[in-house]
């Protein structure tokens, strides 16, 4: 079974639109979206994804899979025992220990998830009407919430740990080009302005 693997990007933070564009054009039933700042520590990550689909999608209503990582707000994806440093070797060794512990096991996640690693079923994506397509923030949360509302299941691939840099302190290297940091700063400034206007 082929999985279409993508690192989605569209200028101006139009990530939701790019998600939907890719899902529309792919010929595959399963698509894996990866953040650009994510490192696949386990050399067998593709096989783990395939085995998850074979073992759990067969049970019905599997809409999406994710995995463990180090930096993320969602507790069902964040591994609290992961290394706190940015030494890649340590994360690779930790990924090995996670695989040795869980192997090909998956766990059902009954809540919305963050989108650093999203393995999505195309039929489920169509059924829920795709991603909102409104920008870069909350696309993953809203999409996963819609999956759950339509009774699709979200699973975590327990044997798969990935290192997520998620560094929002450093921004664009090119003047006038926005990265996640700049887009987030604009969003937070808008939120602050709306709060002040309400007072």
N, C-alpha and C. Protein backbone atom coordinates (compact mmCIF):
# COMPACT_ATOMS: atom_id res chain seq x y z
N UNK A 1 0.84 -1.19 0.00
CA UNK A 1 0.00 0.00 0.00
C UNK A 1 0.88 1.26 0.00
N UNK A 2 0.63 2.16 -0.95
CA UNK A 2 1.42 3.39 -1.06
C UNK A 2 0.81 4.50 -0.21
N UNK A 3 1.67 5.21 0.51
CA UNK A 3 1.26 6.39 1.27
C UNK A 3 1.89 7.60 0.60
N UNK A 4 1.10 8.60 0.31
CA UNK A 4 1.59 9.85 -0.29
C UNK A 4 2.15 10.71 0.84
N UNK A 5 3.46 10.96 0.83
CA UNK A 5 4.12 11.70 1.91
C UNK A 5 4.41 13.13 1.43
N UNK A 6 3.95 14.12 2.20
CA UNK A 6 4.08 15.52 1.79
C UNK A 6 4.54 16.41 2.95
N UNK A 7 5.26 17.47 2.61
CA UNK A 7 5.52 18.57 3.54
C UNK A 7 4.75 19.77 2.96
N UNK A 8 3.55 20.02 3.44
CA UNK A 8 2.70 21.05 2.82
C UNK A 8 3.18 22.47 3.09
N UNK A 9 3.05 23.32 2.09
CA UNK A 9 3.40 24.73 2.25
C UNK A 9 2.66 25.55 1.21
N UNK A 10 2.16 26.71 1.63
CA UNK A 10 1.61 27.68 0.69
C UNK A 10 1.89 29.06 1.27
N UNK A 11 2.44 30.00 0.48
CA UNK A 11 2.80 31.33 0.99
C UNK A 11 1.63 32.02 1.68
N UNK A 12 1.98 32.85 2.67
CA UNK A 12 0.95 33.61 3.37
C UNK A 12 0.24 32.81 4.45
N UNK A 13 0.79 31.65 4.80
CA UNK A 13 0.19 30.86 5.87
C UNK A 13 -1.10 30.18 5.48
N UNK A 14 -1.30 29.93 4.18
CA UNK A 14 -2.55 29.30 3.73
C UNK A 14 -2.41 27.76 3.74
N UNK A 15 -2.10 27.26 4.93
CA UNK A 15 -1.83 25.84 5.08
C UNK A 15 -3.07 24.98 4.84
N UNK A 16 -4.20 25.43 5.36
CA UNK A 16 -5.44 24.67 5.18
C UNK A 16 -5.80 24.49 3.71
N UNK A 17 -5.60 25.55 2.92
CA UNK A 17 -5.86 25.46 1.48
C UNK A 17 -4.94 24.44 0.83
N UNK A 18 -3.68 24.42 1.27
CA UNK A 18 -2.71 23.48 0.69
C UNK A 18 -3.04 22.04 1.08
N UNK A 19 -3.45 21.83 2.33
CA UNK A 19 -3.90 20.50 2.75
C UNK A 19 -4.99 19.99 1.79
N UNK A 20 -5.99 20.83 1.57
CA UNK A 20 -7.12 20.43 0.72
C UNK A 20 -6.69 20.22 -0.73
N UNK A 21 -5.79 21.07 -1.22
CA UNK A 21 -5.28 20.92 -2.59
C UNK A 21 -4.60 19.57 -2.76
N UNK A 22 -3.75 19.23 -1.82
CA UNK A 22 -3.03 17.95 -1.89
C UNK A 22 -4.00 16.77 -1.80
N UNK A 23 -4.95 16.84 -0.90
CA UNK A 23 -5.91 15.75 -0.74
C UNK A 23 -6.75 15.58 -2.01
N UNK A 24 -7.05 16.68 -2.67
CA UNK A 24 -7.81 16.62 -3.92
C UNK A 24 -7.02 15.97 -5.04
N UNK A 25 -5.74 16.29 -5.14
CA UNK A 25 -4.95 15.83 -6.28
C UNK A 25 -4.37 14.43 -6.10
N UNK A 26 -4.23 13.95 -4.87
CA UNK A 26 -3.58 12.66 -4.66
C UNK A 26 -4.42 11.50 -5.19
N UNK A 27 -3.72 10.48 -5.65
CA UNK A 27 -4.38 9.26 -6.10
C UNK A 27 -4.39 8.21 -4.98
N UNK A 28 -3.72 8.53 -3.89
CA UNK A 28 -3.60 7.58 -2.78
C UNK A 28 -4.77 7.72 -1.79
N UNK A 29 -5.07 6.62 -1.13
CA UNK A 29 -6.13 6.64 -0.11
C UNK A 29 -5.62 7.18 1.22
N UNK A 30 -4.29 7.15 1.40
CA UNK A 30 -3.70 7.67 2.63
C UNK A 30 -2.60 8.68 2.30
N UNK A 31 -2.62 9.82 3.02
CA UNK A 31 -1.64 10.89 2.82
C UNK A 31 -1.03 11.24 4.18
N UNK A 32 0.29 11.35 4.22
CA UNK A 32 1.00 11.73 5.44
C UNK A 32 1.52 13.16 5.30
N UNK A 33 1.02 14.06 6.16
CA UNK A 33 1.49 15.44 6.21
C UNK A 33 2.52 15.57 7.34
N UNK A 34 3.69 16.13 7.02
CA UNK A 34 4.75 16.33 7.99
C UNK A 34 5.11 17.81 8.09
N UNK A 35 5.36 18.30 9.31
CA UNK A 35 5.89 19.64 9.47
C UNK A 35 7.33 19.68 8.96
N UNK A 36 7.75 20.84 8.48
CA UNK A 36 9.11 20.97 7.93
C UNK A 36 10.19 20.86 9.00
N UNK A 37 9.83 21.10 10.27
CA UNK A 37 10.82 21.08 11.36
C UNK A 37 10.74 19.79 12.18
N UNK A 38 10.31 18.72 11.54
CA UNK A 38 10.16 17.44 12.21
C UNK A 38 11.21 16.46 11.68
N UNK A 39 11.80 15.67 12.58
CA UNK A 39 12.80 14.69 12.18
C UNK A 39 12.29 13.29 12.46
N UNK A 40 12.27 12.46 11.42
CA UNK A 40 11.80 11.07 11.55
C UNK A 40 12.94 10.22 12.11
N UNK A 41 12.94 10.02 13.41
CA UNK A 41 14.05 9.34 14.09
C UNK A 41 14.08 7.84 13.85
N UNK A 42 12.92 7.23 13.63
CA UNK A 42 12.82 5.79 13.46
C UNK A 42 12.99 5.45 11.98
N UNK A 43 14.00 4.65 11.61
CA UNK A 43 14.22 4.35 10.20
C UNK A 43 13.07 3.54 9.57
N UNK A 44 12.19 3.00 10.40
CA UNK A 44 11.08 2.18 9.92
C UNK A 44 9.74 2.92 9.99
N UNK A 45 9.79 4.26 9.96
CA UNK A 45 8.57 5.05 10.13
C UNK A 45 7.52 4.73 9.06
N UNK A 46 7.94 4.51 7.83
CA UNK A 46 6.98 4.24 6.76
C UNK A 46 6.29 2.90 6.99
N UNK A 47 7.07 1.90 7.39
CA UNK A 47 6.50 0.58 7.68
C UNK A 47 5.53 0.65 8.85
N UNK A 48 5.87 1.43 9.87
CA UNK A 48 4.97 1.59 11.02
C UNK A 48 3.64 2.19 10.58
N UNK A 49 3.71 3.16 9.68
CA UNK A 49 2.48 3.77 9.15
C UNK A 49 1.65 2.74 8.38
N UNK A 50 2.31 1.97 7.53
CA UNK A 50 1.60 0.95 6.76
C UNK A 50 0.96 -0.10 7.66
N UNK A 51 1.69 -0.54 8.67
CA UNK A 51 1.16 -1.56 9.58
C UNK A 51 0.01 -1.02 10.42
N UNK A 52 0.07 0.27 10.78
CA UNK A 52 -1.03 0.89 11.52
C UNK A 52 -2.30 0.88 10.68
N UNK A 53 -2.15 1.24 9.41
CA UNK A 53 -3.31 1.25 8.51
C UNK A 53 -3.87 -0.16 8.35
N UNK A 54 -3.00 -1.13 8.11
CA UNK A 54 -3.45 -2.52 7.94
C UNK A 54 -4.15 -3.05 9.18
N UNK A 55 -3.59 -2.76 10.35
CA UNK A 55 -4.12 -3.33 11.58
C UNK A 55 -5.32 -2.63 12.16
N UNK A 56 -5.39 -1.30 11.99
CA UNK A 56 -6.44 -0.55 12.67
C UNK A 56 -7.50 0.01 11.73
N UNK A 57 -7.11 0.33 10.50
CA UNK A 57 -8.12 0.80 9.54
C UNK A 57 -9.08 -0.34 9.21
N UNK A 58 -8.58 -1.57 9.28
CA UNK A 58 -9.42 -2.74 9.00
C UNK A 58 -10.55 -2.87 10.01
N UNK A 59 -10.36 -2.29 11.20
CA UNK A 59 -11.40 -2.35 12.23
C UNK A 59 -12.54 -1.37 11.94
N UNK A 60 -12.33 -0.50 10.96
CA UNK A 60 -13.38 0.43 10.54
C UNK A 60 -13.27 1.80 11.16
N UNK A 61 -13.62 2.82 10.37
CA UNK A 61 -13.73 4.21 10.80
C UNK A 61 -12.41 4.84 11.25
N UNK A 62 -11.27 4.34 10.81
CA UNK A 62 -9.99 5.00 11.10
C UNK A 62 -9.84 6.18 10.15
N UNK A 63 -9.86 7.39 10.69
CA UNK A 63 -9.77 8.58 9.86
C UNK A 63 -8.39 9.19 9.81
N UNK A 64 -7.62 8.98 10.89
CA UNK A 64 -6.32 9.64 10.96
C UNK A 64 -5.44 8.97 12.02
N UNK A 65 -4.12 9.00 11.75
CA UNK A 65 -3.12 8.52 12.69
C UNK A 65 -2.13 9.63 12.99
N UNK A 66 -1.58 9.63 14.20
CA UNK A 66 -0.50 10.54 14.57
C UNK A 66 0.53 9.72 15.33
N UNK A 67 1.44 10.39 16.05
CA UNK A 67 2.48 9.65 16.79
C UNK A 67 2.92 10.47 18.00
N UNK A 68 3.93 9.96 18.69
CA UNK A 68 4.53 10.68 19.83
C UNK A 68 5.52 11.72 19.34
N UNK A 69 5.69 12.79 20.12
CA UNK A 69 6.73 13.77 19.86
C UNK A 69 7.16 14.41 21.17
N UNK A 70 8.09 15.35 21.09
CA UNK A 70 8.61 15.99 22.30
C UNK A 70 7.96 17.32 22.62
N UNK A 71 7.76 18.17 21.61
CA UNK A 71 7.23 19.52 21.86
C UNK A 71 5.87 19.67 21.20
N UNK A 72 4.85 19.76 22.02
CA UNK A 72 3.49 19.92 21.50
C UNK A 72 2.57 20.17 22.68
N UNK A 73 1.48 20.88 22.43
CA UNK A 73 0.55 21.16 23.51
C UNK A 73 -0.37 20.01 23.88
N UNK A 74 -0.65 19.15 22.92
CA UNK A 74 -1.62 18.07 23.15
C UNK A 74 -0.97 16.91 23.90
N UNK A 75 -1.50 16.60 25.09
CA UNK A 75 -0.88 15.60 25.95
C UNK A 75 -0.95 14.19 25.37
N UNK A 76 -1.91 13.92 24.51
CA UNK A 76 -2.01 12.58 23.92
C UNK A 76 -0.95 12.34 22.84
N UNK A 77 -0.23 13.39 22.47
CA UNK A 77 0.85 13.27 21.48
C UNK A 77 2.22 13.60 22.08
N UNK A 78 2.23 14.35 23.17
CA UNK A 78 3.50 14.75 23.78
C UNK A 78 4.00 13.68 24.74
N UNK A 79 5.20 13.19 24.51
CA UNK A 79 5.82 12.19 25.37
C UNK A 79 6.60 12.91 26.47
N UNK A 80 6.10 12.86 27.68
CA UNK A 80 6.72 13.56 28.80
C UNK A 80 8.08 13.04 29.19
N UNK A 81 8.43 11.85 28.75
CA UNK A 81 9.73 11.26 29.08
C UNK A 81 10.79 11.54 28.01
N UNK A 82 10.40 12.20 26.94
CA UNK A 82 11.33 12.46 25.84
C UNK A 82 12.45 13.41 26.28
N UNK A 83 13.60 13.36 25.63
CA UNK A 83 14.71 14.28 25.97
C UNK A 83 14.25 15.73 25.85
N UNK A 84 14.75 16.56 26.76
CA UNK A 84 14.39 17.97 26.75
C UNK A 84 15.39 18.82 25.98
N UNK A 85 16.45 18.19 25.49
CA UNK A 85 17.48 18.93 24.76
C UNK A 85 17.22 18.88 23.25
N UNK A 86 18.13 19.49 22.50
CA UNK A 86 18.03 19.49 21.04
C UNK A 86 19.18 18.70 20.41
N UNK A 87 19.65 17.70 21.14
CA UNK A 87 20.71 16.84 20.62
C UNK A 87 20.04 15.68 19.88
N UNK A 88 20.20 15.70 18.57
CA UNK A 88 19.47 14.75 17.73
C UNK A 88 19.74 13.30 18.09
N UNK A 89 20.99 12.98 18.40
CA UNK A 89 21.35 11.61 18.76
C UNK A 89 20.50 11.10 19.93
N UNK A 90 20.28 11.95 20.93
CA UNK A 90 19.47 11.56 22.09
C UNK A 90 18.04 11.22 21.69
N UNK A 91 17.50 11.97 20.74
CA UNK A 91 16.13 11.72 20.30
C UNK A 91 16.04 10.44 19.46
N UNK A 92 17.09 10.16 18.70
CA UNK A 92 17.11 8.91 17.92
C UNK A 92 17.15 7.71 18.86
N UNK A 93 18.00 7.78 19.88
CA UNK A 93 18.08 6.69 20.86
C UNK A 93 16.76 6.53 21.61
N UNK A 94 16.12 7.65 21.91
CA UNK A 94 14.84 7.58 22.61
C UNK A 94 13.78 6.95 21.70
N UNK A 95 13.80 7.31 20.42
CA UNK A 95 12.84 6.73 19.47
C UNK A 95 12.97 5.21 19.42
N UNK A 96 14.21 4.74 19.51
CA UNK A 96 14.43 3.29 19.52
C UNK A 96 13.80 2.64 20.76
N UNK A 97 13.95 3.29 21.90
CA UNK A 97 13.37 2.73 23.13
C UNK A 97 11.85 2.72 23.08
N UNK A 98 11.27 3.75 22.45
CA UNK A 98 9.81 3.80 22.30
C UNK A 98 9.33 2.66 21.41
N UNK A 99 10.04 2.42 20.31
CA UNK A 99 9.65 1.33 19.43
C UNK A 99 9.79 -0.03 20.12
N UNK A 100 10.88 -0.21 20.85
CA UNK A 100 11.09 -1.48 21.55
C UNK A 100 9.99 -1.73 22.58
N UNK A 101 9.47 -0.66 23.16
CA UNK A 101 8.41 -0.80 24.17
C UNK A 101 7.06 -1.12 23.55
N UNK A 102 6.69 -0.40 22.48
CA UNK A 102 5.33 -0.49 21.94
C UNK A 102 5.20 -1.27 20.63
N UNK A 103 6.31 -1.40 19.90
CA UNK A 103 6.28 -2.10 18.61
C UNK A 103 5.21 -1.49 17.68
N UNK A 104 4.24 -2.30 17.24
CA UNK A 104 3.24 -1.84 16.26
C UNK A 104 1.89 -1.50 16.89
N UNK A 105 1.88 -1.32 18.18
CA UNK A 105 0.64 -1.00 18.90
C UNK A 105 0.15 0.41 18.56
N UNK A 106 -1.16 0.58 18.54
CA UNK A 106 -1.77 1.90 18.37
C UNK A 106 -2.79 2.13 19.47
N UNK A 107 -3.03 3.39 19.81
CA UNK A 107 -4.00 3.76 20.84
C UNK A 107 -5.01 4.75 20.27
N UNK A 108 -6.27 4.52 20.54
CA UNK A 108 -7.32 5.44 20.12
C UNK A 108 -7.23 6.75 20.91
N UNK A 109 -7.29 7.87 20.20
CA UNK A 109 -7.27 9.20 20.84
C UNK A 109 -8.65 9.83 20.68
N UNK A 110 -9.39 9.99 21.77
CA UNK A 110 -10.76 10.50 21.67
C UNK A 110 -10.86 12.02 21.72
N UNK A 111 -9.83 12.72 21.27
CA UNK A 111 -9.85 14.19 21.31
C UNK A 111 -9.10 14.75 20.11
N UNK A 112 -9.24 16.05 19.88
CA UNK A 112 -8.58 16.69 18.75
C UNK A 112 -7.06 16.67 18.93
N UNK A 113 -6.35 16.73 17.82
CA UNK A 113 -4.89 16.63 17.88
C UNK A 113 -4.22 17.76 17.11
N UNK A 114 -2.92 17.90 17.36
CA UNK A 114 -2.11 18.89 16.65
C UNK A 114 -1.48 18.26 15.42
N UNK A 115 -1.15 19.11 14.45
CA UNK A 115 -0.80 18.60 13.13
C UNK A 115 0.63 18.56 12.70
N UNK A 116 1.54 18.14 13.56
CA UNK A 116 2.93 18.02 13.09
C UNK A 116 3.16 16.74 12.29
N UNK A 117 2.29 15.73 12.52
CA UNK A 117 2.38 14.43 11.84
C UNK A 117 0.95 13.92 11.69
N UNK A 118 0.40 14.03 10.49
CA UNK A 118 -0.99 13.64 10.25
C UNK A 118 -1.05 12.64 9.09
N UNK A 119 -1.44 11.43 9.40
CA UNK A 119 -1.64 10.39 8.38
C UNK A 119 -3.15 10.27 8.17
N UNK A 120 -3.63 10.77 7.03
CA UNK A 120 -5.07 11.00 6.83
C UNK A 120 -5.66 10.10 5.75
N UNK A 121 -6.84 9.60 6.04
CA UNK A 121 -7.60 8.80 5.08
C UNK A 121 -8.39 9.73 4.17
N UNK A 122 -8.26 9.54 2.85
CA UNK A 122 -8.91 10.45 1.90
C UNK A 122 -10.43 10.36 1.96
N UNK A 123 -10.96 9.16 2.14
CA UNK A 123 -12.42 9.01 2.22
C UNK A 123 -12.97 9.76 3.43
N UNK A 124 -12.28 9.66 4.56
CA UNK A 124 -12.69 10.37 5.78
C UNK A 124 -12.62 11.88 5.55
N UNK A 125 -11.54 12.33 4.90
CA UNK A 125 -11.36 13.75 4.60
C UNK A 125 -12.54 14.27 3.76
N UNK A 126 -12.92 13.51 2.74
CA UNK A 126 -14.05 13.91 1.91
C UNK A 126 -15.35 13.96 2.71
N UNK A 127 -15.57 12.96 3.53
CA UNK A 127 -16.81 12.84 4.30
C UNK A 127 -17.04 14.04 5.21
N UNK A 128 -15.97 14.53 5.84
CA UNK A 128 -16.14 15.65 6.79
C UNK A 128 -16.04 17.02 6.11
N UNK A 129 -15.82 17.03 4.79
CA UNK A 129 -15.76 18.30 4.07
C UNK A 129 -14.40 18.94 4.05
N UNK A 130 -13.36 18.16 4.32
CA UNK A 130 -11.99 18.66 4.24
C UNK A 130 -11.58 19.54 5.41
N UNK A 131 -10.46 20.22 5.25
CA UNK A 131 -9.98 21.17 6.24
C UNK A 131 -10.74 22.49 6.07
N UNK A 132 -10.84 23.29 7.13
CA UNK A 132 -11.55 24.58 7.01
C UNK A 132 -10.98 25.46 5.90
N UNK A 133 -9.65 25.43 5.71
CA UNK A 133 -9.04 26.22 4.64
C UNK A 133 -9.01 27.70 4.93
N UNK A 134 -8.89 28.07 6.21
CA UNK A 134 -8.94 29.49 6.59
C UNK A 134 -7.58 30.07 6.95
N UNK A 135 -6.53 29.22 6.99
CA UNK A 135 -5.22 29.75 7.35
C UNK A 135 -4.27 28.67 7.79
N UNK A 136 -3.45 29.02 8.80
CA UNK A 136 -2.44 28.09 9.28
C UNK A 136 -2.75 27.57 10.68
N UNK A 137 -3.47 28.37 11.47
CA UNK A 137 -3.75 27.99 12.85
C UNK A 137 -5.14 27.36 12.98
N UNK A 138 -5.22 26.35 13.82
CA UNK A 138 -6.46 25.64 14.15
C UNK A 138 -6.98 24.74 13.03
N UNK A 139 -6.31 24.68 11.90
CA UNK A 139 -6.74 23.78 10.82
C UNK A 139 -6.76 22.33 11.31
N UNK A 140 -5.69 21.95 12.00
CA UNK A 140 -5.58 20.58 12.52
C UNK A 140 -6.62 20.30 13.59
N UNK A 141 -6.82 21.24 14.50
CA UNK A 141 -7.79 21.05 15.58
C UNK A 141 -9.20 20.93 15.03
N UNK A 142 -9.57 21.83 14.14
CA UNK A 142 -10.94 21.81 13.59
C UNK A 142 -11.18 20.56 12.76
N UNK A 143 -10.18 20.16 11.97
CA UNK A 143 -10.34 18.96 11.15
C UNK A 143 -10.49 17.72 12.02
N UNK A 144 -9.64 17.58 13.02
CA UNK A 144 -9.73 16.40 13.89
C UNK A 144 -11.04 16.40 14.68
N UNK A 145 -11.51 17.57 15.08
CA UNK A 145 -12.80 17.65 15.77
C UNK A 145 -13.93 17.18 14.85
N UNK A 146 -13.87 17.57 13.58
CA UNK A 146 -14.89 17.14 12.63
C UNK A 146 -14.84 15.64 12.38
N UNK A 147 -13.65 15.06 12.35
CA UNK A 147 -13.53 13.61 12.22
C UNK A 147 -14.26 12.91 13.36
N UNK A 148 -14.01 13.39 14.57
CA UNK A 148 -14.64 12.77 15.75
C UNK A 148 -16.15 12.95 15.73
N UNK A 149 -16.62 14.09 15.29
CA UNK A 149 -18.07 14.34 15.20
C UNK A 149 -18.74 13.40 14.21
N UNK A 150 -18.00 13.02 13.18
CA UNK A 150 -18.53 12.09 12.17
C UNK A 150 -18.23 10.62 12.52
N UNK A 151 -17.82 10.41 13.77
CA UNK A 151 -17.58 9.05 14.30
C UNK A 151 -16.38 8.34 13.68
N UNK A 152 -15.44 9.12 13.12
CA UNK A 152 -14.18 8.53 12.69
C UNK A 152 -13.25 8.44 13.89
N UNK A 153 -12.31 7.52 13.84
CA UNK A 153 -11.37 7.34 14.94
C UNK A 153 -10.00 7.93 14.60
N UNK A 154 -9.36 8.47 15.63
CA UNK A 154 -8.00 8.98 15.51
C UNK A 154 -7.12 8.10 16.39
N UNK A 155 -6.01 7.62 15.80
CA UNK A 155 -5.11 6.74 16.53
C UNK A 155 -3.71 7.35 16.65
N UNK A 156 -3.04 7.01 17.73
CA UNK A 156 -1.62 7.32 17.88
C UNK A 156 -0.83 6.04 17.61
N UNK A 157 0.18 6.12 16.74
CA UNK A 157 1.08 5.00 16.50
C UNK A 157 2.07 4.98 17.66
N UNK A 158 1.85 4.11 18.63
CA UNK A 158 2.58 4.17 19.89
C UNK A 158 4.07 3.89 19.76
N UNK A 159 4.47 3.09 18.79
CA UNK A 159 5.87 2.74 18.62
C UNK A 159 6.67 3.77 17.85
N UNK A 160 6.02 4.87 17.45
CA UNK A 160 6.67 5.87 16.60
C UNK A 160 6.84 7.20 17.34
N UNK A 161 8.09 7.59 17.55
CA UNK A 161 8.43 8.87 18.17
C UNK A 161 9.21 9.70 17.16
N UNK A 162 8.85 10.97 17.02
CA UNK A 162 9.55 11.89 16.12
C UNK A 162 10.03 13.11 16.91
N UNK A 163 11.15 13.65 16.50
CA UNK A 163 11.70 14.86 17.13
C UNK A 163 11.14 16.09 16.42
N UNK A 164 10.53 16.98 17.21
CA UNK A 164 9.91 18.19 16.67
C UNK A 164 10.67 19.41 17.21
N UNK A 165 11.38 20.10 16.34
CA UNK A 165 12.14 21.28 16.77
C UNK A 165 11.21 22.36 17.29
N UNK A 166 10.21 22.70 16.53
CA UNK A 166 9.18 23.70 16.89
C UNK A 166 9.78 24.97 17.51
N UNK A 167 10.68 25.56 16.80
CA UNK A 167 11.36 26.76 17.27
C UNK A 167 10.68 27.99 16.69
N UNK A 168 9.96 28.71 17.55
CA UNK A 168 9.27 29.92 17.09
C UNK A 168 9.96 31.20 17.58
N UNK A 169 11.19 31.07 18.08
CA UNK A 169 11.94 32.24 18.52
C UNK A 169 12.60 32.93 17.34
N UNK A 170 13.06 32.13 16.39
CA UNK A 170 13.71 32.66 15.19
C UNK A 170 12.69 32.72 14.07
N UNK A 171 12.71 33.79 13.33
CA UNK A 171 11.74 33.96 12.25
C UNK A 171 12.36 33.89 10.87
N UNK A 172 11.82 34.70 9.98
CA UNK A 172 12.22 34.67 8.58
C UNK A 172 13.65 35.14 8.36
N UNK A 173 14.30 34.54 7.39
CA UNK A 173 15.64 34.95 6.97
C UNK A 173 15.57 35.92 5.80
N UNK A 174 14.37 36.10 5.25
CA UNK A 174 14.20 36.95 4.07
C UNK A 174 13.20 38.07 4.39
N UNK A 175 13.60 39.28 4.20
CA UNK A 175 12.76 40.43 4.51
C UNK A 175 11.46 40.37 3.69
N UNK A 176 10.35 40.55 4.39
CA UNK A 176 9.05 40.55 3.73
C UNK A 176 8.40 39.19 3.59
N UNK A 177 9.13 38.12 3.92
CA UNK A 177 8.58 36.76 3.84
C UNK A 177 8.21 36.30 5.25
N UNK A 178 7.00 35.86 5.42
CA UNK A 178 6.52 35.46 6.74
C UNK A 178 6.69 33.96 6.98
N UNK A 179 7.18 33.64 8.18
CA UNK A 179 7.22 32.25 8.63
C UNK A 179 6.17 32.10 9.73
N UNK A 180 6.12 30.91 10.33
CA UNK A 180 5.14 30.67 11.40
C UNK A 180 5.29 31.69 12.53
N UNK A 181 6.53 32.07 12.84
CA UNK A 181 6.74 33.04 13.92
C UNK A 181 6.05 34.37 13.62
N UNK A 182 6.28 34.91 12.42
CA UNK A 182 5.66 36.20 12.08
C UNK A 182 4.14 36.09 12.03
N UNK A 183 3.64 35.02 11.46
CA UNK A 183 2.19 34.83 11.37
C UNK A 183 1.57 34.70 12.76
N UNK A 184 2.27 34.01 13.65
CA UNK A 184 1.79 33.86 15.03
C UNK A 184 1.82 35.21 15.75
N UNK A 185 2.88 36.00 15.55
CA UNK A 185 2.98 37.32 16.18
C UNK A 185 1.83 38.22 15.73
N UNK A 186 1.51 38.17 14.43
CA UNK A 186 0.39 38.98 13.90
C UNK A 186 -0.92 38.53 14.54
N UNK A 187 -1.10 37.23 14.63
CA UNK A 187 -2.33 36.68 15.22
C UNK A 187 -2.47 37.10 16.68
N UNK A 188 -1.38 37.00 17.46
CA UNK A 188 -1.43 37.36 18.88
C UNK A 188 -1.66 38.85 19.07
N UNK A 189 -1.08 39.68 18.18
CA UNK A 189 -1.29 41.13 18.26
C UNK A 189 -2.76 41.46 18.00
N UNK A 190 -3.38 40.74 17.06
CA UNK A 190 -4.80 40.94 16.78
C UNK A 190 -5.67 40.54 17.95
N UNK A 191 -5.31 39.46 18.62
CA UNK A 191 -6.06 39.02 19.80
C UNK A 191 -5.97 40.06 20.92
N UNK A 192 -4.75 40.58 21.13
CA UNK A 192 -4.55 41.59 22.17
C UNK A 192 -5.35 42.85 21.87
N UNK A 193 -5.37 43.26 20.60
CA UNK A 193 -6.11 44.46 20.20
C UNK A 193 -7.61 44.27 20.43
N UNK A 194 -8.13 43.07 20.14
CA UNK A 194 -9.55 42.80 20.36
C UNK A 194 -9.90 42.81 21.85
N UNK A 195 -9.00 42.32 22.69
CA UNK A 195 -9.21 42.31 24.14
C UNK A 195 -9.28 43.74 24.68
N UNK A 196 -8.34 44.59 24.19
CA UNK A 196 -8.32 45.97 24.65
C UNK A 196 -9.57 46.72 24.20
N UNK A 197 -10.05 46.41 22.99
CA UNK A 197 -11.24 47.08 22.47
C UNK A 197 -12.50 46.72 23.27
N UNK A 198 -12.51 45.53 23.86
CA UNK A 198 -13.67 45.10 24.65
C UNK A 198 -13.73 45.78 26.02
N UNK A 199 -12.56 46.21 26.51
CA UNK A 199 -12.48 46.83 27.85
C UNK A 199 -13.04 48.24 27.85
